[in-house]
Protein backbone atom coordinates (compact mmCIF):
# COMPACT_ATOMS: atom_id res chain seq x y z
CA MET A 1 53.34 4.94 -25.14
CA SER A 2 52.55 1.64 -23.53
CA SER A 3 49.10 0.84 -22.53
CA LYS A 4 50.28 0.71 -18.89
CA LEU A 5 51.47 4.20 -18.75
CA VAL A 6 48.17 5.30 -20.56
CA TYR A 7 46.21 3.68 -17.88
CA ARG A 8 48.42 5.23 -15.28
CA THR A 9 48.06 8.50 -16.62
CA LEU A 10 44.16 8.42 -17.20
CA ARG A 11 43.56 6.55 -13.97
CA PRO A 12 43.15 9.57 -11.85
CA VAL A 13 40.83 11.70 -14.33
CA LEU A 14 38.71 8.18 -15.10
CA SER A 15 38.13 7.98 -11.19
CA SER A 16 37.43 11.30 -10.27
CA SER A 17 34.88 11.52 -13.33
CA VAL A 18 33.00 8.42 -12.53
CA GLN A 19 33.32 9.73 -8.73
CA PHE A 20 31.86 12.92 -9.18
CA SER A 21 29.72 12.78 -12.15
CA GLY A 22 27.06 11.62 -9.28
CA LEU A 23 23.23 11.45 -9.60
CA GLY A 24 23.11 14.69 -7.54
CA THR A 25 19.93 15.56 -4.98
CA GLY A 26 16.43 14.73 -5.95
CA PRO A 27 12.98 13.01 -4.60
CA GLY A 28 13.75 9.68 -3.02
CA ILE A 29 11.23 6.78 -2.88
CA ARG A 30 7.77 6.87 -1.77
CA GLY A 31 8.02 10.41 -0.67
CA HIS A 32 11.13 10.10 1.11
CA ILE A 33 13.96 12.29 0.11
CA ILE A 34 17.65 10.85 -0.63
CA SER A 35 20.14 13.43 -0.39
CA HIS A 36 22.96 11.85 -1.71
CA LEU A 37 22.83 8.39 -3.53
CA PRO A 38 25.80 6.15 -3.56
CA THR A 39 28.19 6.28 -6.56
CA VAL A 40 30.16 3.58 -8.17
CA ARG A 41 33.96 3.81 -8.70
CA PHE A 42 34.68 1.74 -11.66
CA PHE A 43 38.40 2.02 -12.12
CA SER A 44 39.85 2.48 -8.94
CA SER A 45 38.94 1.39 -5.22
CA ASP A 46 41.21 4.13 -3.92
CA THR A 47 39.57 6.92 -1.83
CA SER A 48 42.42 8.98 -1.62
CA SER A 49 43.30 11.38 -4.69
CA PRO A 50 46.59 10.41 -6.48
CA ALA A 51 47.09 13.53 -7.60
CA SER A 52 46.96 15.49 -4.10
CA GLY A 53 48.76 12.79 -2.11
CA ASN A 54 45.81 13.12 0.37
CA ASN A 55 45.25 9.80 2.12
CA GLN A 56 41.80 10.89 4.05
CA PRO A 57 38.62 10.20 1.99
CA GLU A 58 36.79 13.47 1.45
CA ASN A 59 33.67 12.34 2.92
CA PRO A 60 34.46 9.82 5.34
CA ILE A 61 31.70 7.09 6.71
CA ARG A 62 31.40 7.79 10.41
CA THR A 63 29.74 5.52 13.20
CA VAL A 64 27.35 7.12 15.55
CA ASP A 65 30.22 7.83 18.31
CA GLY A 66 31.97 9.83 15.23
CA LYS A 67 34.46 6.95 14.30
CA VAL A 68 35.89 7.21 10.73
CA ILE A 69 35.22 3.80 8.73
CA SER A 70 37.64 3.17 6.03
CA THR A 71 36.05 3.73 2.37
CA TYR A 72 38.74 2.37 0.89
CA TRP A 73 36.15 0.40 -1.60
CA GLY A 74 34.62 3.46 -2.49
CA ILE A 75 31.07 3.01 -1.40
CA PRO A 76 29.86 6.16 0.37
CA PRO A 77 26.77 5.91 2.64
CA ALA A 78 23.41 7.38 1.63
CA LYS A 79 22.26 10.54 3.26
CA ILE A 80 18.36 9.91 3.66
CA THR A 81 15.96 12.41 5.55
CA LYS A 82 12.62 11.61 6.32
CA PRO A 83 9.64 13.77 4.81
CA ASP A 84 10.04 16.38 7.84
CA GLY A 85 13.86 17.34 7.12
CA SER A 86 15.18 15.32 9.99
CA ALA A 87 18.07 12.66 9.52
CA TRP A 88 16.97 8.91 8.91
CA LYS A 89 18.94 7.42 11.95
CA TRP A 90 18.25 3.59 11.06
CA ASN A 91 20.71 1.23 9.18
CA CYS A 92 18.96 -1.79 9.62
CA PHE A 93 15.77 -0.95 7.39
CA GLN A 94 15.02 2.10 5.09
CA PRO A 95 12.27 4.54 4.73
CA TRP A 96 10.82 2.48 1.99
CA ASP A 97 10.76 -0.72 4.30
CA SER A 98 8.43 0.98 6.41
CA TYR A 99 4.77 0.11 6.29
CA LYS A 100 1.54 1.09 7.77
CA PRO A 101 0.00 -2.67 8.69
CA ASP A 102 -3.63 -3.62 7.95
CA VAL A 103 -4.90 -4.11 11.59
CA SER A 104 -8.17 -4.91 10.43
CA ILE A 105 -7.24 -8.64 9.69
CA ASP A 106 -9.23 -11.30 11.75
CA VAL A 107 -7.21 -12.30 14.53
CA THR A 108 -9.18 -15.39 15.50
CA LYS A 109 -9.34 -17.21 12.69
CA HIS A 110 -7.81 -20.83 12.90
CA HIS A 111 -7.28 -23.64 11.01
CA LYS A 112 -8.82 -26.75 11.99
CA PRO A 113 -7.00 -29.65 11.61
CA SER A 114 -8.44 -32.43 8.92
CA ASN A 115 -5.89 -34.73 8.29
CA PHE A 116 -2.78 -36.70 10.19
CA THR A 117 -0.37 -33.88 8.59
CA ASP A 118 -2.46 -31.34 10.23
CA LYS A 119 -3.29 -33.08 13.50
CA PHE A 120 0.53 -33.64 14.02
CA ALA A 121 1.56 -30.28 13.09
CA TYR A 122 -1.28 -28.87 15.55
CA TRP A 123 -0.28 -31.53 18.64
CA THR A 124 3.38 -30.63 18.11
CA VAL A 125 2.80 -26.92 18.43
CA GLN A 126 0.23 -27.73 21.46
CA THR A 127 2.91 -29.41 23.13
CA LEU A 128 5.72 -27.17 22.50
CA LYS A 129 3.83 -24.48 24.23
CA ILE A 130 3.36 -26.15 27.43
CA PRO A 131 6.91 -25.74 28.97
CA VAL A 132 6.88 -22.09 27.41
CA HIS A 133 4.03 -21.01 29.40
CA LEU A 134 5.03 -22.56 32.37
CA PHE A 135 8.16 -20.83 32.31
CA PHE A 136 7.18 -17.13 31.21
CA GLN A 137 3.53 -17.39 32.61
CA ARG A 138 2.48 -13.43 32.33
CA LYS A 139 5.86 -12.20 31.56
CA HIS A 140 5.04 -10.89 28.33
CA MET A 141 8.14 -9.01 27.48
CA CYS A 142 10.35 -12.03 28.12
CA HIS A 143 7.86 -14.10 26.16
CA ALA A 144 7.78 -12.14 23.43
CA MET A 145 11.57 -11.72 23.01
CA LEU A 146 11.84 -15.82 22.84
CA LEU A 147 8.81 -16.14 20.80
CA GLU A 148 10.50 -13.58 18.05
CA THR A 149 13.62 -15.44 17.94
CA VAL A 150 11.77 -18.70 17.27
CA ALA A 151 9.18 -17.05 14.75
CA ALA A 152 12.29 -15.65 12.66
CA VAL A 153 13.51 -18.77 11.84
CA PRO A 154 10.94 -20.50 9.49
CA GLY A 155 10.70 -17.87 6.87
CA MET A 156 14.76 -18.05 6.72
CA VAL A 157 14.93 -21.67 6.65
CA GLY A 158 12.27 -21.93 3.97
CA GLY A 159 13.55 -18.89 1.88
CA MET A 160 16.78 -20.50 1.92
CA LEU A 161 15.72 -24.02 0.76
CA LEU A 162 13.77 -22.50 -1.71
CA HIS A 163 16.66 -20.39 -3.02
CA LEU A 164 18.87 -23.53 -3.51
CA LYS A 165 15.92 -25.56 -5.24
CA SER A 166 15.55 -22.29 -7.76
CA LEU A 167 19.31 -22.80 -8.48
CA ARG A 168 19.26 -26.58 -8.71
CA ARG A 169 16.26 -26.43 -11.09
CA PHE A 170 17.03 -23.70 -13.11
CA GLU A 171 13.74 -22.18 -12.40
CA HIS A 172 11.83 -19.09 -10.76
CA SER A 173 10.31 -19.66 -7.49
CA GLY A 174 7.04 -17.62 -7.88
CA GLY A 175 8.25 -14.97 -5.54
CA TRP A 176 8.18 -17.36 -2.58
CA ILE A 177 11.53 -16.76 -1.80
CA LYS A 178 10.96 -13.02 -1.22
CA ALA A 179 7.72 -13.36 0.67
CA LEU A 180 9.06 -15.78 3.04
CA LEU A 181 12.53 -13.81 3.56
CA GLU A 182 10.17 -10.81 4.12
CA GLU A 183 8.53 -13.07 6.89
CA ALA A 184 11.66 -13.25 8.45
CA GLU A 185 13.13 -9.95 8.48
CA ASN A 186 9.40 -8.83 9.73
CA GLU A 187 10.00 -11.02 12.76
CA ARG A 188 13.17 -10.02 13.41
CA MET A 189 12.12 -6.17 13.35
CA HIS A 190 9.92 -7.56 16.22
CA LEU A 191 12.72 -8.46 18.33
CA MET A 192 14.88 -5.40 17.67
CA THR A 193 11.55 -3.47 18.73
CA PHE A 194 11.67 -5.14 22.28
CA ILE A 195 14.88 -4.85 23.03
CA GLU A 196 14.59 -1.25 22.83
CA LEU A 197 12.47 -1.80 25.90
CA SER A 198 13.78 -4.58 27.64
CA GLN A 199 17.21 -6.37 27.86
CA PRO A 200 17.43 -10.20 28.02
CA LYS A 201 18.77 -11.82 30.99
CA TRP A 202 22.27 -14.03 30.60
CA TYR A 203 19.87 -17.20 31.58
CA GLU A 204 17.11 -16.04 28.92
CA ARG A 205 20.04 -15.68 26.53
CA ALA A 206 21.24 -19.06 27.16
CA ILE A 207 17.66 -20.49 26.80
CA VAL A 208 17.33 -18.43 23.37
CA PHE A 209 20.55 -19.94 22.18
CA THR A 210 19.75 -23.40 22.90
CA VAL A 211 16.01 -23.05 21.59
CA GLN A 212 17.11 -21.81 18.36
CA GLY A 213 19.63 -23.98 17.49
CA VAL A 214 17.51 -26.78 18.22
CA PHE A 215 14.55 -25.44 16.26
CA PHE A 216 16.41 -24.56 13.53
CA ASN A 217 17.74 -27.83 12.92
CA ALA A 218 14.40 -29.62 13.42
CA TYR A 219 12.65 -26.98 11.12
CA PHE A 220 15.16 -27.50 8.36
CA LEU A 221 15.02 -31.45 8.51
CA ALA A 222 10.92 -31.01 8.55
CA TYR A 223 11.13 -28.70 5.48
CA VAL A 224 13.29 -31.14 3.83
CA ILE A 225 11.38 -33.71 4.50
CA SER A 226 8.03 -32.33 3.96
CA PRO A 227 7.32 -28.56 2.98
CA LYS A 228 3.65 -28.46 3.48
CA LEU A 229 4.06 -30.02 7.19
CA ALA A 230 6.40 -27.38 7.88
CA HIS A 231 4.36 -24.47 6.65
CA ARG A 232 1.44 -25.94 8.54
CA ILE A 233 3.62 -26.06 11.72
CA THR A 234 4.76 -22.54 11.19
CA GLY A 235 0.62 -21.50 10.73
CA TYR A 236 -0.06 -23.04 14.16
CA LEU A 237 2.66 -21.16 15.69
CA GLU A 238 1.69 -18.09 14.44
CA GLU A 239 -1.81 -18.60 15.87
CA GLU A 240 -0.20 -19.02 19.22
CA ALA A 241 1.60 -15.82 18.55
CA VAL A 242 -1.22 -13.89 17.96
CA ASN A 243 -2.99 -15.77 21.03
CA SER A 244 -0.05 -14.48 23.38
CA TYR A 245 -0.03 -11.07 21.81
CA THR A 246 -3.94 -10.61 22.77
CA GLU A 247 -3.32 -11.70 26.38
CA PHE A 248 -0.39 -9.08 26.07
CA LEU A 249 -3.05 -6.35 25.28
CA GLU A 250 -5.47 -7.75 27.74
CA ASP A 251 -2.98 -6.80 30.44
CA ILE A 252 -2.06 -3.81 29.18
CA ASP A 253 -5.75 -2.66 29.36
CA ALA A 254 -6.15 -3.86 32.73
CA GLY A 255 -3.48 -2.02 34.01
CA LYS A 256 -1.15 -5.08 35.15
CA PHE A 257 1.66 -4.02 32.18
CA GLU A 258 3.17 -0.31 32.02
CA ASN A 259 1.91 1.03 28.91
CA LEU A 260 5.23 2.55 27.81
CA PRO A 261 5.94 5.14 25.19
CA ALA A 262 6.61 3.26 21.78
CA PRO A 263 10.45 3.13 20.98
CA ALA A 264 11.38 5.31 17.87
CA ILE A 265 12.35 2.07 15.84
CA ALA A 266 8.76 1.09 16.36
CA ILE A 267 7.31 4.74 15.20
CA ASP A 268 9.44 4.84 11.93
CA TYR A 269 9.31 0.91 10.91
CA TRP A 270 5.20 0.92 11.26
CA ARG A 271 4.61 4.81 10.49
CA LEU A 272 2.89 5.06 13.88
CA PRO A 273 1.95 8.33 15.36
CA LYS A 274 4.40 10.15 17.46
CA ASP A 275 2.63 9.66 21.15
CA ALA A 276 2.08 6.05 20.26
CA THR A 277 2.44 3.60 23.14
CA LEU A 278 3.42 -0.05 23.57
CA ARG A 279 0.06 -1.09 23.16
CA ASP A 280 -0.01 0.38 19.75
CA VAL A 281 3.24 -1.56 19.03
CA VAL A 282 1.74 -4.67 20.56
CA TYR A 283 -1.48 -4.29 18.39
CA VAL A 284 0.47 -3.91 15.24
CA ILE A 285 3.00 -6.82 15.87
CA ARG A 286 -0.20 -9.01 16.55
CA ALA A 287 -1.68 -8.04 13.24
CA ASP A 288 1.58 -8.93 11.40
CA GLU A 289 1.43 -12.17 13.31
CA ALA A 290 -2.11 -13.09 11.72
CA HIS A 291 -0.68 -12.25 8.17
CA HIS A 292 2.25 -14.77 8.75
CA ARG A 293 -0.50 -17.27 9.89
CA ASP A 294 -2.33 -16.63 6.81
CA ILE A 295 0.86 -16.61 4.70
CA ASN A 296 2.01 -20.04 5.91
CA HIS A 297 -1.65 -21.96 6.02
CA TYR A 298 -1.73 -20.60 2.22
CA ALA A 299 1.48 -22.29 1.31
CA SER A 300 0.48 -25.35 3.27
CA ASP A 301 -2.97 -25.45 1.21
CA ILE A 302 -1.04 -25.05 -2.08
CA GLN A 303 1.08 -27.96 -1.62
CA PHE A 304 -1.69 -30.44 0.01
CA LYS A 305 -3.74 -29.79 -3.36
CA GLY A 306 -0.62 -31.50 -5.11
CA HIS A 307 0.77 -27.95 -6.49
CA GLU A 308 4.15 -26.61 -5.93
CA LEU A 309 4.40 -22.93 -4.51
CA LYS A 310 5.73 -21.44 -7.66
CA GLU A 311 2.21 -22.03 -9.21
CA ALA A 312 0.52 -19.70 -7.11
CA PRO A 313 1.29 -16.04 -6.68
CA ALA A 314 3.22 -15.33 -3.56
CA PRO A 315 1.98 -12.99 -1.15
CA ILE A 316 4.62 -10.07 -1.45
CA GLY A 317 4.47 -7.21 0.67
CA TYR A 318 1.44 -9.03 2.68
CA HIS A 319 0.91 -6.61 5.70
């Protein structure tokens, strides 16, 4: 019997045995329950059963509106539930990505510029904030959305460039790639939260498109030329973000801005109580920005002392 014939005979058996050997059900990560873990099909990417001739997968992946997504590559979705047994509804993050932020962090800290690079970074940020404040004034929701589209850029650029550097030099990054990408993802989740409360107008989207394109390229060049300058600029940007969210909180407390119920994504991401409000959301986001401020000033300080980031432990999971 030829090897091809043997393979064709055993292929359905091997595929089925791998597909259904499964990992079953059991406790998930950090107290959450994973009712079905993805299985891997090594011998066949065909989801139909060759023996039965059925062209439909047994457990098709469906979108929220019920449409079937092709499972040709044999990657079934993980069915994850919350501790209370309800379904986990988010695809953009998982239960183990959620956290309870440290809101005790000092939000008044400021890095005093002490050299030319620091002063250049500081006054660059002070100059950039003038047109932003003139345009948005006290329109906090619009300001926050624009702020987060910019704030999510530095971590991604820094993580990407450190990733490429690690590959070129055949060396570890000391965890800084992960730390910076965590920062970028956290900033993006801030934006995903705000768009649950308000949708930007067409001209605000145009502003974001323009600002993001300019800022990404400018920050990319700054990081290539001087990473310590780039991190210092980000540190000062985060200081301004903290100040902006402090003003947001003051206006909510003064009754100038409606204290809406917190969106569901915020409650699950920051593990907030079910009756949380917009004030609670802004409060934890301000704490996040303060942590990002510390991370970037810390990264800049490391490099000002003549060291590379990989020589110091990265603050992974610093919330």
